[in-house]
Amino acid sequence: VQLQASGGGSVQPGGSLRLSCAASGSAFSLAIVGWYRQSAGAQREFIGRITAGGSTLYADSVKDRFTISREQVKKTVYLQMNRLKPDDTAVYYCRLYYYGRSEEYWGQGTLVTVSS
């Protein structure tokens, strides 16, 4: 499995961006996909995840601003980010994994910069 994260860029505070995480390989439909971010000098933090069935979970820091969705046919998961703040500036990563299995895959990261 390979993951390709894309969609990062620069945006002003209050703006929006949509990140994509495209997967290659099989069994995407059974996978959980999570989004994480890492800002300079900080540890990587969990943002949210979506299960194979479409159930989502979000960190408190992004709840009500970020939305995760998935398109099974395209093997892609999206992270819609609204009302962005400077504190959202980070490299964003997607992670694919499965319940009860140790294997996991990470995308290469995409940079989001929120600045006026």
PDB file of N, CA and C in Angstrom:
ATOM      1  N   VAL A   1       0.847  -1.186   0.000  1.00  0.00           N
ATOM      2  CA  VAL A   1       0.000   0.000   0.000  1.00  0.00           C
ATOM      3  C   VAL A   1       0.883   1.236   0.000  1.00  0.00           C
ATOM      4  N   GLN A   2       0.540   2.172  -0.840  1.00  0.00           N
ATOM      5  CA  GLN A   2       1.209   3.472  -0.834  1.00  0.00           C
ATOM      6  C   GLN A   2       0.169   4.558  -0.656  1.00  0.00           C
ATOM      7  N   LEU A   3       0.529   5.577   0.105  1.00  0.00           N
ATOM      8  CA  LEU A   3      -0.371   6.700   0.340  1.00  0.00           C
ATOM      9  C   LEU A   3       0.249   7.967  -0.218  1.00  0.00           C
ATOM     10  N   GLN A   4      -0.573   8.746  -0.862  1.00  0.00           N
ATOM     11  CA  GLN A   4      -0.125  10.019  -1.420  1.00  0.00           C
ATOM     12  C   GLN A   4      -1.007  11.121  -0.847  1.00  0.00           C
ATOM     13  N   ALA A   5      -0.410  11.953  -0.004  1.00  0.00           N
ATOM     14  CA  ALA A   5      -1.137  13.088   0.559  1.00  0.00           C
ATOM     15  C   ALA A   5      -0.891  14.316  -0.298  1.00  0.00           C
ATOM     16  N   SER A   6      -1.933  15.093  -0.487  1.00  0.00           N
ATOM     17  CA  SER A   6      -1.813  16.298  -1.309  1.00  0.00           C
ATOM     18  C   SER A   6      -2.830  17.329  -0.859  1.00  0.00           C
ATOM     19  N   GLY A   7      -2.691  18.547  -1.391  1.00  0.00           N
ATOM     20  CA  GLY A   7      -3.659  19.592  -1.125  1.00  0.00           C
ATOM     21  C   GLY A   7      -3.190  20.673  -0.181  1.00  0.00           C
ATOM     22  N   GLY A   8      -2.007  20.524   0.357  1.00  0.00           N
ATOM     23  CA  GLY A   8      -1.506  21.542   1.260  1.00  0.00           C
ATOM     24  C   GLY A   8      -1.187  22.833   0.538  1.00  0.00           C
ATOM     25  N   GLY A   9      -0.964  23.868   1.319  1.00  0.00           N
ATOM     26  CA  GLY A   9      -0.648  25.163   0.735  1.00  0.00           C
ATOM     27  C   GLY A   9      -0.727  26.242   1.792  1.00  0.00           C
ATOM     28  N   SER A  10      -0.729  27.473   1.331  1.00  0.00           N
ATOM     29  CA  SER A  10      -0.805  28.621   2.222  1.00  0.00           C
ATOM     30  C   SER A  10      -2.201  29.221   2.170  1.00  0.00           C
ATOM     31  N   VAL A  11      -2.697  29.592   3.315  1.00  0.00           N
ATOM     32  CA  VAL A  11      -4.041  30.162   3.393  1.00  0.00           C
ATOM     33  C   VAL A  11      -4.069  31.179   4.531  1.00  0.00           C
ATOM     34  N   GLN A  12      -4.935  32.150   4.403  1.00  0.00           N
ATOM     35  CA  GLN A  12      -5.086  33.144   5.457  1.00  0.00           C
ATOM     36  C   GLN A  12      -5.954  32.595   6.582  1.00  0.00           C
ATOM     37  N   PRO A  13      -5.791  33.135   7.781  1.00  0.00           N
ATOM     38  CA  PRO A  13      -6.668  32.719   8.882  1.00  0.00           C
ATOM     39  C   PRO A  13      -8.132  32.879   8.509  1.00  0.00           C
ATOM     40  N   GLY A  14      -8.901  31.883   8.892  1.00  0.00           N
ATOM     41  CA  GLY A  14     -10.316  31.871   8.535  1.00  0.00           C
ATOM     42  C   GLY A  14     -10.619  31.166   7.236  1.00  0.00           C
ATOM     43  N   GLY A  15      -9.584  30.855   6.483  1.00  0.00           N
ATOM     44  CA  GLY A  15      -9.771  30.205   5.199  1.00  0.00           C
ATOM     45  C   GLY A  15      -9.949  28.705   5.306  1.00  0.00           C
ATOM     46  N   SER A  16     -10.032  28.063   4.142  1.00  0.00           N
ATOM     47  CA  SER A  16     -10.276  26.622   4.075  1.00  0.00           C
ATOM     48  C   SER A  16      -9.289  25.951   3.131  1.00  0.00           C
ATOM     49  N   LEU A  17      -9.046  24.693   3.386  1.00  0.00           N
ATOM     50  CA  LEU A  17      -8.268  23.833   2.503  1.00  0.00           C
ATOM     51  C   LEU A  17      -8.855  22.431   2.584  1.00  0.00           C
ATOM     52  N   ARG A  18      -8.683  21.685   1.501  1.00  0.00           N
ATOM     53  CA  ARG A  18      -9.058  20.282   1.529  1.00  0.00           C
ATOM     54  C   ARG A  18      -7.849  19.440   1.161  1.00  0.00           C
ATOM     55  N   LEU A  19      -7.471  18.565   2.057  1.00  0.00           N
ATOM     56  CA  LEU A  19      -6.376  17.644   1.811  1.00  0.00           C
ATOM     57  C   LEU A  19      -6.935  16.314   1.323  1.00  0.00           C
ATOM     58  N   SER A  20      -6.132  15.644   0.514  1.00  0.00           N
ATOM     59  CA  SER A  20      -6.509  14.331   0.011  1.00  0.00           C
ATOM     60  C   SER A  20      -5.439  13.319   0.376  1.00  0.00           C
ATOM     61  N   CYS A  21      -5.881  12.101   0.586  1.00  0.00           N
ATOM     62  CA  CYS A  21      -4.965  10.996   0.845  1.00  0.00           C
ATOM     63  C   CYS A  21      -5.406   9.859  -0.062  1.00  0.00           C
ATOM     64  N   ALA A  22      -4.635   9.624  -1.116  1.00  0.00           N
ATOM     65  CA  ALA A  22      -4.986   8.602  -2.100  1.00  0.00           C
ATOM     66  C   ALA A  22      -4.167   7.351  -1.846  1.00  0.00           C
ATOM     67  N   ALA A  23      -4.840   6.223  -1.845  1.00  0.00           N
ATOM     68  CA  ALA A  23      -4.181   4.948  -1.560  1.00  0.00           C
ATOM     69  C   ALA A  23      -4.103   4.090  -2.805  1.00  0.00           C
ATOM     70  N   SER A  24      -3.013   3.377  -2.911  1.00  0.00           N
ATOM     71  CA  SER A  24      -2.887   2.369  -3.956  1.00  0.00           C
ATOM     72  C   SER A  24      -2.839   1.008  -3.286  1.00  0.00           C
ATOM     73  N   GLY A  25      -3.131  -0.019  -4.032  1.00  0.00           N
ATOM     74  CA  GLY A  25      -3.124  -1.336  -3.440  1.00  0.00           C
ATOM     75  C   GLY A  25      -4.508  -1.784  -3.049  1.00  0.00           C
ATOM     76  N   SER A  26      -4.580  -2.955  -2.492  1.00  0.00           N
ATOM     77  CA  SER A  26      -5.877  -3.557  -2.216  1.00  0.00           C
ATOM     78  C   SER A  26      -6.313  -3.325  -0.783  1.00  0.00           C
ATOM     79  N   ALA A  27      -7.548  -3.723  -0.495  1.00  0.00           N
ATOM     80  CA  ALA A  27      -8.101  -3.707   0.856  1.00  0.00           C
ATOM     81  C   ALA A  27      -8.282  -2.309   1.429  1.00  0.00           C
ATOM     82  N   PHE A  28      -8.347  -1.313   0.604  1.00  0.00           N
ATOM     83  CA  PHE A  28      -8.600   0.042   1.114  1.00  0.00           C
ATOM     84  C   PHE A  28      -9.949   0.108   1.786  1.00  0.00           C
ATOM     85  N   SER A  29     -10.917  -0.612   1.249  1.00  0.00           N
ATOM     86  CA  SER A  29     -12.272  -0.513   1.773  1.00  0.00           C
ATOM     87  C   SER A  29     -12.378  -1.006   3.212  1.00  0.00           C
ATOM     88  N   LEU A  30     -11.424  -1.788   3.661  1.00  0.00           N
ATOM     89  CA  LEU A  30     -11.445  -2.309   5.026  1.00  0.00           C
ATOM     90  C   LEU A  30     -10.612  -1.483   5.992  1.00  0.00           C
ATOM     91  N   ALA A  31      -9.935  -0.503   5.475  1.00  0.00           N
ATOM     92  CA  ALA A  31      -8.944   0.219   6.261  1.00  0.00           C
ATOM     93  C   ALA A  31      -9.535   1.377   7.042  1.00  0.00           C
ATOM     94  N   ILE A  32      -8.883   1.663   8.144  1.00  0.00           N
ATOM     95  CA  ILE A  32      -9.118   2.899   8.881  1.00  0.00           C
ATOM     96  C   ILE A  32      -8.070   3.890   8.382  1.00  0.00           C
ATOM     97  N   VAL A  33      -8.465   5.118   8.173  1.00  0.00           N
ATOM     98  CA  VAL A  33      -7.516   6.143   7.743  1.00  0.00           C
ATOM     99  C   VAL A  33      -7.559   7.285   8.741  1.00  0.00           C
ATOM    100  N   GLY A  34      -6.403   7.614   9.239  1.00  0.00           N
ATOM    101  CA  GLY A  34      -6.292   8.702  10.189  1.00  0.00           C
ATOM    102  C   GLY A  34      -5.488   9.849   9.626  1.00  0.00           C
ATOM    103  N   TRP A  35      -5.760  11.023  10.149  1.00  0.00           N
ATOM    104  CA  TRP A  35      -4.976  12.214   9.824  1.00  0.00           C
ATOM    105  C   TRP A  35      -4.233  12.675  11.075  1.00  0.00           C
ATOM    106  N   TYR A  36      -3.006  13.081  10.870  1.00  0.00           N
ATOM    107  CA  TYR A  36      -2.143  13.564  11.935  1.00  0.00           C
ATOM    108  C   TYR A  36      -1.446  14.824  11.439  1.00  0.00           C
ATOM    109  N   ARG A  37      -0.898  15.557  12.355  1.00  0.00           N
ATOM    110  CA  ARG A  37      -0.114  16.718  11.956  1.00  0.00           C
ATOM    111  C   ARG A  37       1.055  16.911  12.909  1.00  0.00           C
ATOM    112  N   GLN A  38       2.070  17.559  12.377  1.00  0.00           N
ATOM    113  CA  GLN A  38       3.260  17.826  13.179  1.00  0.00           C
ATOM    114  C   GLN A  38       3.751  19.222  12.846  1.00  0.00           C
ATOM    115  N   SER A  39       3.747  20.061  13.846  1.00  0.00           N
ATOM    116  CA  SER A  39       4.277  21.414  13.680  1.00  0.00           C
ATOM    117  C   SER A  39       5.728  21.432  14.137  1.00  0.00           C
ATOM    118  N   ALA A  40       6.424  22.489  13.794  1.00  0.00           N
ATOM    119  CA  ALA A  40       7.849  22.586  14.085  1.00  0.00           C
ATOM    120  C   ALA A  40       8.107  22.454  15.580  1.00  0.00           C
ATOM    121  N   GLY A  41       8.996  21.546  15.926  1.00  0.00           N
ATOM    122  CA  GLY A  41       9.385  21.373  17.308  1.00  0.00           C
ATOM    123  C   GLY A  41       8.389  20.633  18.178  1.00  0.00           C
ATOM    124  N   ALA A  42       7.336  20.123  17.575  1.00  0.00           N
ATOM    125  CA  ALA A  42       6.299  19.431  18.348  1.00  0.00           C
ATOM    126  C   ALA A  42       6.189  17.977  17.922  1.00  0.00           C
ATOM    127  N   GLN A  43       5.535  17.213  18.760  1.00  0.00           N
ATOM    128  CA  GLN A  43       5.284  15.814  18.409  1.00  0.00           C
ATOM    129  C   GLN A  43       4.114  15.730  17.439  1.00  0.00           C
ATOM    130  N   ARG A  44       4.085  14.644  16.704  1.00  0.00           N
ATOM    131  CA  ARG A  44       2.974  14.404  15.795  1.00  0.00           C
ATOM    132  C   ARG A  44       1.711  14.175  16.624  1.00  0.00           C
ATOM    133  N   GLU A  45       0.632  14.834  16.223  1.00  0.00           N
ATOM    134  CA  GLU A  45      -0.600  14.707  16.977  1.00  0.00           C
ATOM    135  C   GLU A  45      -1.730  14.172  16.104  1.00  0.00           C
ATOM    136  N   PHE A  46      -2.615  13.466  16.739  1.00  0.00           N
ATOM    137  CA  PHE A  46      -3.785  12.896  16.089  1.00  0.00           C
ATOM    138  C   PHE A  46      -4.810  14.001  15.833  1.00  0.00           C
ATOM    139  N   ILE A  47      -5.371  14.000  14.632  1.00  0.00           N
ATOM    140  CA  ILE A  47      -6.417  14.965  14.298  1.00  0.00           C
ATOM    141  C   ILE A  47      -7.764  14.279  14.240  1.00  0.00           C
ATOM    142  N   GLY A  48      -7.805  13.149  13.553  1.00  0.00           N
ATOM    143  CA  GLY A  48      -9.062  12.434  13.402  1.00  0.00           C
ATOM    144  C   GLY A  48      -8.873  11.202  12.566  1.00  0.00           C
ATOM    145  N   ARG A  49      -9.939  10.401  12.496  1.00  0.00           N
ATOM    146  CA  ARG A  49      -9.872   9.191  11.688  1.00  0.00           C
ATOM    147  C   ARG A  49     -11.266   8.838  11.195  1.00  0.00           C
ATOM    148  N   ILE A  50     -11.254   8.012  10.145  1.00  0.00           N
ATOM    149  CA  ILE A  50     -12.514   7.509   9.606  1.00  0.00           C
ATOM    150  C   ILE A  50     -12.379   6.009   9.414  1.00  0.00           C
ATOM    151  N   THR A  51     -13.389   5.274   9.848  1.00  0.00           N
ATOM    152  CA  THR A  51     -13.350   3.819   9.723  1.00  0.00           C
ATOM    153  C   THR A  51     -13.839   3.395   8.347  1.00  0.00           C
ATOM    154  N   ALA A  52     -13.757   2.106   8.108  1.00  0.00           N
ATOM    155  CA  ALA A  52     -14.239   1.568   6.845  1.00  0.00           C
ATOM    156  C   ALA A  52     -15.730   1.848   6.656  1.00  0.00           C
ATOM    157  N   GLY A  53     -16.443   1.855   7.750  1.00  0.00           N
ATOM    158  CA  GLY A  53     -17.873   2.102   7.685  1.00  0.00           C
ATOM    159  C   GLY A  53     -18.252   3.568   7.683  1.00  0.00           C
ATOM    160  N   GLY A  54     -17.262   4.448   7.767  1.00  0.00           N
ATOM    161  CA  GLY A  54     -17.535   5.875   7.707  1.00  0.00           C
ATOM    162  C   GLY A  54     -17.683   6.566   9.043  1.00  0.00           C
ATOM    163  N   SER A  55     -17.419   5.865  10.109  1.00  0.00           N
ATOM    164  CA  SER A  55     -17.496   6.484  11.431  1.00  0.00           C
ATOM    165  C   SER A  55     -16.270   7.360  11.659  1.00  0.00           C
ATOM    166  N   THR A  56     -16.494   8.553  12.182  1.00  0.00           N
ATOM    167  CA  THR A  56     -15.401   9.490  12.363  1.00  0.00           C
ATOM    168  C   THR A  56     -15.187   9.836  13.831  1.00  0.00           C
ATOM    169  N   LEU A  57     -13.972  10.256  14.105  1.00  0.00           N
ATOM    170  CA  LEU A  57     -13.581  10.678  15.438  1.00  0.00           C
ATOM    171  C   LEU A  57     -12.602  11.816  15.261  1.00  0.00           C
ATOM    172  N   TYR A  58     -12.733  12.865  16.076  1.00  0.00           N
ATOM    173  CA  TYR A  58     -11.883  14.042  15.932  1.00  0.00           C
ATOM    174  C   TYR A  58     -11.261  14.444  17.258  1.00  0.00           C
ATOM    175  N   ALA A  59     -10.090  15.044  17.148  1.00  0.00           N
ATOM    176  CA  ALA A  59      -9.489  15.665  18.306  1.00  0.00           C
ATOM    177  C   ALA A  59     -10.279  16.927  18.653  1.00  0.00           C
ATOM    178  N   ASP A  60     -10.278  17.266  19.933  1.00  0.00           N
ATOM    179  CA  ASP A  60     -11.031  18.439  20.363  1.00  0.00           C
ATOM    180  C   ASP A  60     -10.563  19.721  19.675  1.00  0.00           C
ATOM    181  N   SER A  61      -9.285  19.765  19.350  1.00  0.00           N
ATOM    182  CA  SER A  61      -8.709  20.986  18.768  1.00  0.00           C
ATOM    183  C   SER A  61      -9.263  21.297  17.377  1.00  0.00           C
ATOM    184  N   VAL A  62      -9.829  20.295  16.711  1.00  0.00           N
ATOM    185  CA  VAL A  62     -10.309  20.508  15.342  1.00  0.00           C
ATOM    186  C   VAL A  62     -11.787  20.189  15.181  1.00  0.00           C
ATOM    187  N   LYS A  63     -12.391  19.680  16.217  1.00  0.00           N
ATOM    188  CA  LYS A  63     -13.801  19.315  16.141  1.00  0.00           C
ATOM    189  C   LYS A  63     -14.619  20.533  15.742  1.00  0.00           C
ATOM    190  N   ASP A  64     -15.581  20.338  14.898  1.00  0.00           N
ATOM    191  CA  ASP A  64     -16.478  21.389  14.383  1.00  0.00           C
ATOM    192  C   ASP A  64     -15.819  22.289  13.346  1.00  0.00           C
ATOM    193  N   ARG A  65     -14.541  22.084  13.064  1.00  0.00           N
ATOM    194  CA  ARG A  65     -13.887  22.827  11.989  1.00  0.00           C
ATOM    195  C   ARG A  65     -13.395  21.917  10.866  1.00  0.00           C
ATOM    196  N   PHE A  66     -12.997  20.720  11.223  1.00  0.00           N
ATOM    197  CA  PHE A  66     -12.449  19.771  10.253  1.00  0.00           C
ATOM    198  C   PHE A  66     -13.427  18.619  10.049  1.00  0.00           C
ATOM    199  N   THR A  67     -13.470  18.124   8.820  1.00  0.00           N
ATOM    200  CA  THR A  67     -14.335  16.987   8.492  1.00  0.00           C
ATOM    201  C   THR A  67     -13.565  15.988   7.647  1.00  0.00           C
ATOM    202  N   ILE A  68     -13.658  14.729   8.026  1.00  0.00           N
ATOM    203  CA  ILE A  68     -13.007  13.655   7.272  1.00  0.00           C
ATOM    204  C   ILE A  68     -14.081  12.872   6.526  1.00  0.00           C
ATOM    205  N   SER A  69     -13.798  12.585   5.281  1.00  0.00           N
ATOM    206  CA  SER A  69     -14.708  11.774   4.471  1.00  0.00           C
ATOM    207  C   SER A  69     -13.879  10.843   3.591  1.00  0.00           C
ATOM    208  N   ARG A  70     -14.571   9.880   2.977  1.00  0.00           N
ATOM    209  CA  ARG A  70     -13.836   8.955   2.126  1.00  0.00           C
ATOM    210  C   ARG A  70     -14.672   8.568   0.914  1.00  0.00           C
ATOM    211  N   GLU A  71     -13.975   8.302  -0.174  1.00  0.00           N
ATOM    212  CA  GLU A  71     -14.597   7.784  -1.391  1.00  0.00           C
ATOM    213  C   GLU A  71     -13.958   6.431  -1.669  1.00  0.00           C
ATOM    214  N   GLN A  72     -14.709   5.378  -1.435  1.00  0.00           N
ATOM    215  CA  GLN A  72     -14.157   4.041  -1.558  1.00  0.00           C
ATOM    216  C   GLN A  72     -13.715   3.752  -2.989  1.00  0.00           C
ATOM    217  N   VAL A  73     -14.505   4.178  -3.948  1.00  0.00           N
ATOM    218  CA  VAL A  73     -14.179   3.866  -5.335  1.00  0.00           C
ATOM    219  C   VAL A  73     -12.855   4.508  -5.738  1.00  0.00           C
ATOM    220  N   LYS A  74     -12.621   5.714  -5.262  1.00  0.00           N
ATOM    221  CA  LYS A  74     -11.380   6.415  -5.603  1.00  0.00           C
ATOM    222  C   LYS A  74     -10.250   6.067  -4.639  1.00  0.00           C
ATOM    223  N   LYS A  75     -10.526   5.275  -3.614  1.00  0.00           N
ATOM    224  CA  LYS A  75      -9.531   4.927  -2.600  1.00  0.00           C
ATOM    225  C   LYS A  75      -8.894   6.195  -2.029  1.00  0.00           C
ATOM    226  N   THR A  76      -9.714   7.149  -1.720  1.00  0.00           N
ATOM    227  CA  THR A  76      -9.232   8.437  -1.255  1.00  0.00           C
ATOM    228  C   THR A  76      -9.992   8.876  -0.015  1.00  0.00           C
ATOM    229  N   VAL A  77      -9.251   9.451   0.903  1.00  0.00           N
ATOM    230  CA  VAL A  77      -9.831  10.056   2.094  1.00  0.00           C
ATOM    231  C   VAL A  77      -9.512  11.536   2.063  1.00  0.00           C
ATOM    232  N   TYR A  78     -10.467  12.341   2.490  1.00  0.00           N
ATOM    233  CA  TYR A  78     -10.327  13.793   2.458  1.00  0.00           C
ATOM    234  C   TYR A  78     -10.345  14.364   3.869  1.00  0.00           C
ATOM    235  N   LEU A  79      -9.634  15.451   4.024  1.00  0.00           N
ATOM    236  CA  LEU A  79      -9.686  16.230   5.251  1.00  0.00           C
ATOM    237  C   LEU A  79     -10.066  17.647   4.864  1.00  0.00           C
ATOM    238  N   GLN A  80     -11.314  17.989   5.101  1.00  0.00           N
ATOM    239  CA  GLN A  80     -11.790  19.348   4.837  1.00  0.00           C
ATOM    240  C   GLN A  80     -11.521  20.195   6.068  1.00  0.00           C
ATOM    241  N   MET A  81     -10.765  21.256   5.889  1.00  0.00           N
ATOM    242  CA  MET A  81     -10.376  22.103   7.009  1.00  0.00           C
ATOM    243  C   MET A  81     -10.961  23.491   6.802  1.00  0.00           C
ATOM    244  N   ASN A  82     -11.800  23.904   7.725  1.00  0.00           N
ATOM    245  CA  ASN A  82     -12.433  25.218   7.668  1.00  0.00           C
ATOM    246  C   ASN A  82     -12.018  26.057   8.865  1.00  0.00           C
ATOM    247  N   ARG A  83     -12.220  27.353   8.723  1.00  0.00           N
ATOM    248  CA  ARG A  83     -11.898  28.300   9.804  1.00  0.00           C
ATOM    249  C   ARG A  83     -10.492  28.035  10.331  1.00  0.00           C
ATOM    250  N   LEU A  84      -9.563  27.988   9.435  1.00  0.00           N
ATOM    251  CA  LEU A  84      -8.189  27.675   9.803  1.00  0.00           C
ATOM    252  C   LEU A  84      -7.575  28.779  10.650  1.00  0.00           C
ATOM    253  N   LYS A  85      -6.703  28.350  11.550  1.00  0.00           N
ATOM    254  CA  LYS A  85      -6.022  29.256  12.470  1.00  0.00           C
ATOM    255  C   LYS A  85      -4.516  29.116  12.271  1.00  0.00           C
ATOM    256  N   PRO A  86      -3.754  30.116  12.685  1.00  0.00           N
ATOM    257  CA  PRO A  86      -2.293  29.981  12.591  1.00  0.00           C
ATOM    258  C   PRO A  86      -1.779  28.737  13.309  1.00  0.00           C
ATOM    259  N   ASP A  87      -2.435  28.337  14.390  1.00  0.00           N
ATOM    260  CA  ASP A  87      -2.010  27.138  15.128  1.00  0.00           C
ATOM    261  C   ASP A  87      -2.207  25.855  14.330  1.00  0.00           C
ATOM    262  N   ASP A  88      -2.946  25.918  13.239  1.00  0.00           N
ATOM    263  CA  ASP A  88      -3.123  24.745  12.388  1.00  0.00           C
ATOM    264  C   ASP A  88      -1.947  24.534  11.438  1.00  0.00           C
ATOM    265  N   THR A  89      -1.029  25.476  11.435  1.00  0.00           N
ATOM    266  CA  THR A  89       0.147  25.334  10.583  1.00  0.00           C
ATOM    267  C   THR A  89       0.956  24.112  10.981  1.00  0.00           C
ATOM    268  N   ALA A  90       1.181  23.222  10.028  1.00  0.00           N
ATOM    269  CA  ALA A  90       1.874  21.964  10.312  1.00  0.00           C
ATOM    270  C   ALA A  90       2.030  21.177   9.019  1.00  0.00           C
ATOM    271  N   VAL A  91       2.802  20.120   9.121  1.00  0.00           N
ATOM    272  CA  VAL A  91       2.810  19.117   8.057  1.00  0.00           C
ATOM    273  C   VAL A  91       1.748  18.085   8.417  1.00  0.00           C
ATOM    274  N   TYR A  92       0.882  17.812   7.480  1.00  0.00           N
ATOM    275  CA  TYR A  92      -0.233  16.901   7.711  1.00  0.00           C
ATOM    276  C   TYR A  92       0.063  15.553   7.051  1.00  0.00           C
ATOM    277  N   TYR A  93      -0.207  14.494   7.802  1.00  0.00           N
ATOM    278  CA  TYR A  93       0.059  13.142   7.344  1.00  0.00           C
ATOM    279  C   TYR A  93      -1.212  12.305   7.407  1.00  0.00           C
ATOM    280  N   CYS A  94      -1.317  11.369   6.498  1.00  0.00           N
ATOM    281  CA  CYS A  94      -2.374  10.372   6.622  1.00  0.00           C
ATOM    282  C   CYS A  94      -1.741   9.011   6.927  1.00  0.00           C
ATOM    283  N   ARG A  95      -2.530   8.228   7.614  1.00  0.00           N
ATOM    284  CA  ARG A  95      -2.074   6.903   8.061  1.00  0.00           C
ATOM    285  C   ARG A  95      -3.173   5.901   7.774  1.00  0.00           C
ATOM    286  N   LEU A  96      -2.826   4.784   7.212  1.00  0.00           N
ATOM    287  CA  LEU A  96      -3.775   3.723   6.923  1.00  0.00           C
ATOM    288  C   LEU A  96      -3.447   2.518   7.778  1.00  0.00           C
ATOM    289  N   TYR A  97      -4.429   1.958   8.423  1.00  0.00           N
ATOM    290  CA  TYR A  97      -4.198   0.787   9.269  1.00  0.00           C
ATOM    291  C   TYR A  97      -5.491  -0.017   9.371  1.00  0.00           C
ATOM    292  N   TYR A  98      -5.406  -1.134  10.048  1.00  0.00           N
ATOM    293  CA  TYR A  98      -6.549  -2.038  10.147  1.00  0.00           C
ATOM    294  C   TYR A  98      -6.744  -2.459  11.599  1.00  0.00           C
ATOM    295  N   TYR A  99      -7.969  -2.676  11.973  1.00  0.00           N
ATOM    296  CA  TYR A  99      -8.263  -3.228  13.299  1.00  0.00           C
ATOM    297  C   TYR A  99      -7.606  -4.584  13.455  1.00  0.00           C
ATOM    298  N   GLY A 100      -6.929  -4.774  14.572  1.00  0.00           N
ATOM    299  CA  GLY A 100      -6.399  -6.082  14.902  1.00  0.00           C
ATOM    300  C   GLY A 100      -5.162  -6.497  14.132  1.00  0.00           C
ATOM    301  N   ARG A 101      -4.618  -5.583  13.337  1.00  0.00           N
ATOM    302  CA  ARG A 101      -3.415  -5.892  12.570  1.00  0.00           C
ATOM    303  C   ARG A 101      -2.353  -4.844  12.840  1.00  0.00           C
ATOM    304  N   SER A 102      -1.105  -5.254  12.837  1.00  0.00           N
ATOM    305  CA  SER A 102      -0.023  -4.345  13.197  1.00  0.00           C
ATOM    306  C   SER A 102       0.457  -3.499  12.025  1.00  0.00           C
ATOM    307  N   GLU A 103       0.136  -3.885  10.807  1.00  0.00           N
ATOM    308  CA  GLU A 103       0.646  -3.138   9.666  1.00  0.00           C
ATOM    309  C   GLU A 103       0.019  -1.756   9.605  1.00  0.00           C
ATOM    310  N   GLU A 104       0.811  -0.808   9.165  1.00  0.00           N
ATOM    311  CA  GLU A 104       0.333   0.549   8.986  1.00  0.00           C
ATOM    312  C   GLU A 104       1.160   1.207   7.897  1.00  0.00           C
ATOM    313  N   TYR A 105       0.573   2.193   7.282  1.00  0.00           N
ATOM    314  CA  TYR A 105       1.229   2.898   6.184  1.00  0.00           C
ATOM    315  C   TYR A 105       1.006   4.383   6.373  1.00  0.00           C
ATOM    316  N   TRP A 106       2.051   5.154   6.057  1.00  0.00           N
ATOM    317  CA  TRP A 106       1.989   6.603   6.199  1.00  0.00           C
ATOM    318  C   TRP A 106       2.201   7.279   4.850  1.00  0.00           C
ATOM    319  N   GLY A 107       1.490   8.355   4.659  1.00  0.00           N
ATOM    320  CA  GLY A 107       1.759   9.204   3.512  1.00  0.00           C
ATOM    321  C   GLY A 107       2.975  10.069   3.789  1.00  0.00           C
ATOM    322  N   GLN A 108       3.413  10.797   2.786  1.00  0.00           N
ATOM    323  CA  GLN A 108       4.656  11.547   2.895  1.00  0.00           C
ATOM    324  C   GLN A 108       4.482  12.901   3.563  1.00  0.00           C
ATOM    325  N   GLY A 109       3.266  13.334   3.782  1.00  0.00           N
ATOM    326  CA  GLY A 109       3.034  14.624   4.429  1.00  0.00           C
ATOM    327  C   GLY A 109       2.843  15.748   3.434  1.00  0.00           C
ATOM    328  N   THR A 110       1.987  16.666   3.814  1.00  0.00           N
ATOM    329  CA  THR A 110       1.746  17.850   2.990  1.00  0.00           C
ATOM    330  C   THR A 110       1.671  19.062   3.918  1.00  0.00           C
ATOM    331  N   LEU A 111       2.340  20.126   3.539  1.00  0.00           N
ATOM    332  CA  LEU A 111       2.492  21.289   4.419  1.00  0.00           C
ATOM    333  C   LEU A 111       1.309  22.238   4.287  1.00  0.00           C
ATOM    334  N   VAL A 112       0.779  22.612   5.428  1.00  0.00           N
ATOM    335  CA  VAL A 112      -0.274  23.616   5.505  1.00  0.00           C
ATOM    336  C   VAL A 112       0.253  24.793   6.311  1.00  0.00           C
ATOM    337  N   THR A 113       0.173  25.973   5.729  1.00  0.00           N
ATOM    338  CA  THR A 113       0.632  27.187   6.398  1.00  0.00           C
ATOM    339  C   THR A 113      -0.534  28.162   6.480  1.00  0.00           C
ATOM    340  N   VAL A 114      -0.843  28.563   7.699  1.00  0.00           N
ATOM    341  CA  VAL A 114      -1.937  29.518   7.914  1.00  0.00           C
ATOM    342  C   VAL A 114      -1.325  30.807   8.441  1.00  0.00           C
ATOM    343  N   SER A 115      -1.373  31.822   7.632  1.00  0.00           N
ATOM    344  CA  SER A 115      -0.708  33.071   7.994  1.00  0.00           C
ATOM    345  C   SER A 115      -1.325  34.211   7.222  1.00  0.00           C
ATOM    346  N   SER A 116      -1.334  35.376   7.890  1.00  0.00           N
ATOM    347  CA  SER A 116      -1.823  36.570   7.204  1.00  0.00           C
ATOM    348  C   SER A 116      -0.670  37.318   6.545  1.00  0.00           C
TER     349      SER A 116
END
